[in-house]
């Protein structure tokens, strides 16, 4: 399992730092042209969580590449797109899931990328609401070189992982949190939050 995760992590790093066609570049690339470690780590933690659930597509399969692309590009789209349909989907999904905490959760997402909770909000909202009926949604994601088939794969893998953890009496969010701590850009506890030795 470790080799599969390492292979996917390598693909992920290559994807982030390789030159891509202009259509694949977000309209607002990060300062310095590099993706932050937090955003890379967020995607890596989700991939590791999907592997822990036993539902990660085989490394050499087209679906593995599509899943990596979907995680990266939808993260970029929801974080940076100025397209009204994309911004509305994210705001509605976060409001539905996080209620009054939506503004702070939205800000945390825009700086740190996916969490299992933010991905769940976007996926569950798309299940409950016909977001893809709005032509602006497809148009907004086109700038990021992704569309509904890519989102459907991402949503399918996420919901299958959630179900797999639930069937084992576990929680996907707990598994993600544990994996996230080991990935690039993980938040370090401030000195006064560190456990004290006895």
Protein backbone atom coordinates (compact mmCIF):
# COMPACT_ATOMS: atom_id res chain seq x y z
CA UNK A 1 0.00 0.00 0.00
CA UNK A 2 2.78 2.42 0.85
CA UNK A 3 4.27 2.07 -2.64
CA UNK A 4 0.93 2.84 -4.25
CA UNK A 5 0.55 5.99 -2.16
CA UNK A 6 4.14 7.00 -2.88
CA UNK A 7 3.57 6.50 -6.61
CA UNK A 8 0.41 8.58 -6.57
CA UNK A 9 2.16 11.23 -4.49
CA UNK A 10 4.92 11.41 -7.08
CA UNK A 11 2.34 11.78 -9.85
CA UNK A 12 0.68 14.50 -7.80
CA UNK A 13 3.91 16.45 -7.34
CA UNK A 14 4.74 16.13 -11.03
CA UNK A 15 1.24 17.33 -11.94
CA UNK A 16 1.55 20.40 -9.72
CA UNK A 17 4.97 21.48 -10.91
CA UNK A 18 4.97 20.40 -14.57
CA UNK A 19 4.29 22.88 -17.30
CA UNK A 20 0.68 22.71 -18.39
CA UNK A 21 -1.27 24.17 -21.24
CA UNK A 22 -2.62 27.68 -20.60
CA UNK A 23 -6.20 26.35 -20.46
CA UNK A 24 -5.21 24.24 -17.47
CA UNK A 25 -3.75 27.15 -15.54
CA UNK A 26 -6.01 28.80 -12.97
CA UNK A 27 -6.86 32.38 -13.91
CA UNK A 28 -4.97 33.58 -10.82
CA UNK A 29 -1.81 31.49 -10.40
CA UNK A 30 -0.24 31.51 -6.95
CA UNK A 31 2.43 34.09 -6.23
CA UNK A 32 5.81 32.93 -7.44
CA UNK A 33 4.15 30.38 -9.75
CA UNK A 34 4.28 27.59 -7.15
CA UNK A 35 1.47 25.82 -5.42
CA UNK A 36 1.61 26.08 -1.65
CA UNK A 37 2.58 22.99 0.37
CA UNK A 38 -0.80 23.21 2.15
CA UNK A 39 -2.70 22.74 -1.13
CA UNK A 40 -0.45 19.88 -2.23
CA UNK A 41 -0.75 18.26 1.20
CA UNK A 42 -4.55 18.57 1.17
CA UNK A 43 -4.79 16.61 -2.08
CA UNK A 44 -2.19 14.05 -0.94
CA UNK A 45 -4.10 13.50 2.31
CA UNK A 46 -7.33 12.85 0.40
CA UNK A 47 -5.59 10.35 -1.88
CA UNK A 48 -4.11 8.57 1.15
CA UNK A 49 -7.53 8.52 2.82
CA UNK A 50 -9.09 7.00 -0.29
CA UNK A 51 -6.36 4.37 -0.28
CA UNK A 52 -7.01 3.63 3.40
CA UNK A 53 -10.66 3.08 2.49
CA UNK A 54 -9.56 0.56 -0.15
CA UNK A 55 -11.19 2.40 -3.06
CA UNK A 56 -8.29 4.26 -4.68
CA UNK A 57 -8.18 3.38 -8.39
CA UNK A 58 -5.13 1.29 -9.41
CA UNK A 59 -2.10 3.52 -9.92
CA UNK A 60 -1.67 2.69 -13.60
CA UNK A 61 -5.34 3.16 -14.49
CA UNK A 62 -6.76 6.15 -16.35
CA UNK A 63 -9.10 6.73 -13.40
CA UNK A 64 -6.13 7.29 -11.07
CA UNK A 65 -4.87 10.10 -13.29
CA UNK A 66 -8.37 11.51 -13.70
CA UNK A 67 -8.91 11.46 -9.93
CA UNK A 68 -5.66 13.34 -9.29
CA UNK A 69 -6.54 15.85 -11.98
CA UNK A 70 -10.06 16.27 -10.56
CA UNK A 71 -8.84 16.84 -7.00
CA UNK A 72 -6.27 19.41 -8.12
CA UNK A 73 -8.32 21.25 -10.70
CA UNK A 74 -11.59 21.41 -8.74
CA UNK A 75 -9.64 22.60 -5.71
CA UNK A 76 -8.08 25.34 -7.88
CA UNK A 77 -11.42 26.25 -9.43
CA UNK A 78 -13.30 26.52 -6.15
CA UNK A 79 -10.41 28.43 -4.55
CA UNK A 80 -9.70 30.95 -7.30
CA UNK A 81 -12.49 31.16 -9.86
CA UNK A 82 -14.30 34.46 -10.16
CA UNK A 83 -17.07 32.80 -12.20
CA UNK A 84 -20.40 33.53 -10.48
CA UNK A 85 -21.76 29.97 -10.88
CA UNK A 86 -18.66 28.40 -9.29
CA UNK A 87 -18.58 30.92 -6.44
CA UNK A 88 -22.32 30.39 -5.80
CA UNK A 89 -21.98 26.59 -5.70
CA UNK A 90 -19.19 26.82 -3.13
CA UNK A 91 -20.97 29.41 -0.97
CA UNK A 92 -24.26 27.47 -1.03
CA UNK A 93 -22.53 24.16 -0.27
CA UNK A 94 -20.57 25.66 2.63
CA UNK A 95 -23.64 27.47 4.00
CA UNK A 96 -25.66 24.25 3.89
CA UNK A 97 -22.95 22.27 5.71
CA UNK A 98 -21.32 24.82 8.02
CA UNK A 99 -24.12 27.33 8.68
CA UNK A 100 -22.87 30.38 10.56
CA UNK A 101 -19.29 29.09 10.35
CA UNK A 102 -19.41 29.40 6.54
CA UNK A 103 -17.32 32.61 6.26
CA UNK A 104 -14.43 31.30 8.36
CA UNK A 105 -14.59 27.88 6.71
CA UNK A 106 -14.58 29.50 3.28
CA UNK A 107 -11.53 31.58 4.20
CA UNK A 108 -9.72 28.50 5.55
CA UNK A 109 -10.50 26.62 2.33
CA UNK A 110 -9.23 29.45 0.14
CA UNK A 111 -5.89 29.46 1.93
CA UNK A 112 -5.41 25.76 2.71
CA UNK A 113 -7.34 23.81 0.11
CA UNK A 114 -9.52 20.76 0.52
CA UNK A 115 -10.42 19.12 3.77
CA UNK A 116 -12.59 16.04 3.90
CA UNK A 117 -15.36 18.28 5.26
CA UNK A 118 -15.11 20.85 2.45
CA UNK A 119 -15.06 18.16 -0.23
CA UNK A 120 -18.04 16.50 1.44
CA UNK A 121 -19.92 19.82 1.41
CA UNK A 122 -19.34 20.28 -2.33
CA UNK A 123 -20.17 16.65 -3.18
CA UNK A 124 -23.30 16.44 -1.01
CA UNK A 125 -24.58 19.76 -2.31
CA UNK A 126 -24.23 18.53 -5.90
CA UNK A 127 -26.22 15.40 -5.02
CA UNK A 128 -29.05 17.43 -3.45
CA UNK A 129 -29.09 20.29 -5.96
CA UNK A 130 -29.05 20.13 -9.77
CA UNK A 131 -25.98 22.38 -10.01
CA UNK A 132 -24.94 20.99 -13.38
CA UNK A 133 -28.21 22.21 -14.93
CA UNK A 134 -26.76 25.73 -14.78
CA UNK A 135 -24.75 26.19 -18.01
CA UNK A 136 -22.50 28.61 -16.15
CA UNK A 137 -21.13 25.76 -14.03
CA UNK A 138 -19.70 23.87 -17.01
CA UNK A 139 -18.47 27.14 -18.49
CA UNK A 140 -16.72 28.10 -15.26
CA UNK A 141 -14.96 24.76 -14.90
CA UNK A 142 -13.93 24.71 -18.56
CA UNK A 143 -11.24 27.28 -17.72
CA UNK A 144 -9.75 24.64 -15.39
CA UNK A 145 -9.98 21.84 -17.98
CA UNK A 146 -12.49 19.78 -15.97
CA UNK A 147 -16.16 19.01 -16.32
CA UNK A 148 -18.99 16.90 -15.05
CA UNK A 149 -17.42 13.48 -15.80
CA UNK A 150 -14.37 14.49 -13.73
CA UNK A 151 -16.57 15.69 -10.88
CA UNK A 152 -18.70 12.55 -11.04
CA UNK A 153 -15.58 10.39 -10.64
CA UNK A 154 -14.38 12.48 -7.69
CA UNK A 155 -17.82 12.37 -6.05
CA UNK A 156 -18.11 8.61 -6.62
CA UNK A 157 -14.70 7.92 -5.05
CA UNK A 158 -15.47 10.19 -2.11
CA UNK A 159 -18.88 8.65 -1.37
CA UNK A 160 -17.48 5.11 -1.75
CA UNK A 161 -14.67 5.96 0.70
CA UNK A 162 -17.16 7.40 3.19
CA UNK A 163 -19.29 4.26 2.92
CA UNK A 164 -16.25 1.98 3.30
CA UNK A 165 -15.15 3.72 6.50
CA UNK A 166 -18.71 3.68 7.83
CA UNK A 167 -19.05 -0.06 7.15
CA UNK A 168 -15.98 -0.61 9.34
CA UNK A 169 -17.38 1.57 12.11
CA UNK A 170 -14.90 4.33 11.30
CA UNK A 171 -15.18 7.93 10.20
CA UNK A 172 -13.70 9.29 6.98
CA UNK A 173 -13.03 12.68 8.60
CA UNK A 174 -11.00 11.12 11.41
CA UNK A 175 -8.98 9.15 8.87
CA UNK A 176 -8.40 12.29 6.80
CA UNK A 177 -7.32 14.31 9.86
CA UNK A 178 -4.73 11.67 10.77
CA UNK A 179 -3.40 11.56 7.21
CA UNK A 180 -3.37 15.35 6.86
CA UNK A 181 -1.00 15.69 9.84
CA UNK A 182 1.64 13.73 7.94
CA UNK A 183 1.48 15.66 4.66
CA UNK A 184 3.17 18.83 3.40
CA UNK A 185 1.75 22.08 4.75
CA UNK A 186 0.18 20.48 7.83
CA UNK A 187 -0.64 23.01 10.50
CA UNK A 188 1.80 22.80 13.37
CA UNK A 189 0.47 23.22 16.89
CA UNK A 190 1.59 26.47 18.53
CA UNK A 191 4.14 25.96 21.31
CA UNK A 192 1.58 26.40 24.08
CA UNK A 193 -0.70 23.78 22.48
CA UNK A 194 1.98 21.09 22.41
CA UNK A 195 1.54 18.31 24.97
CA UNK A 196 3.73 18.75 28.01
CA UNK A 197 5.95 15.88 29.10
CA UNK A 198 5.53 14.73 32.66
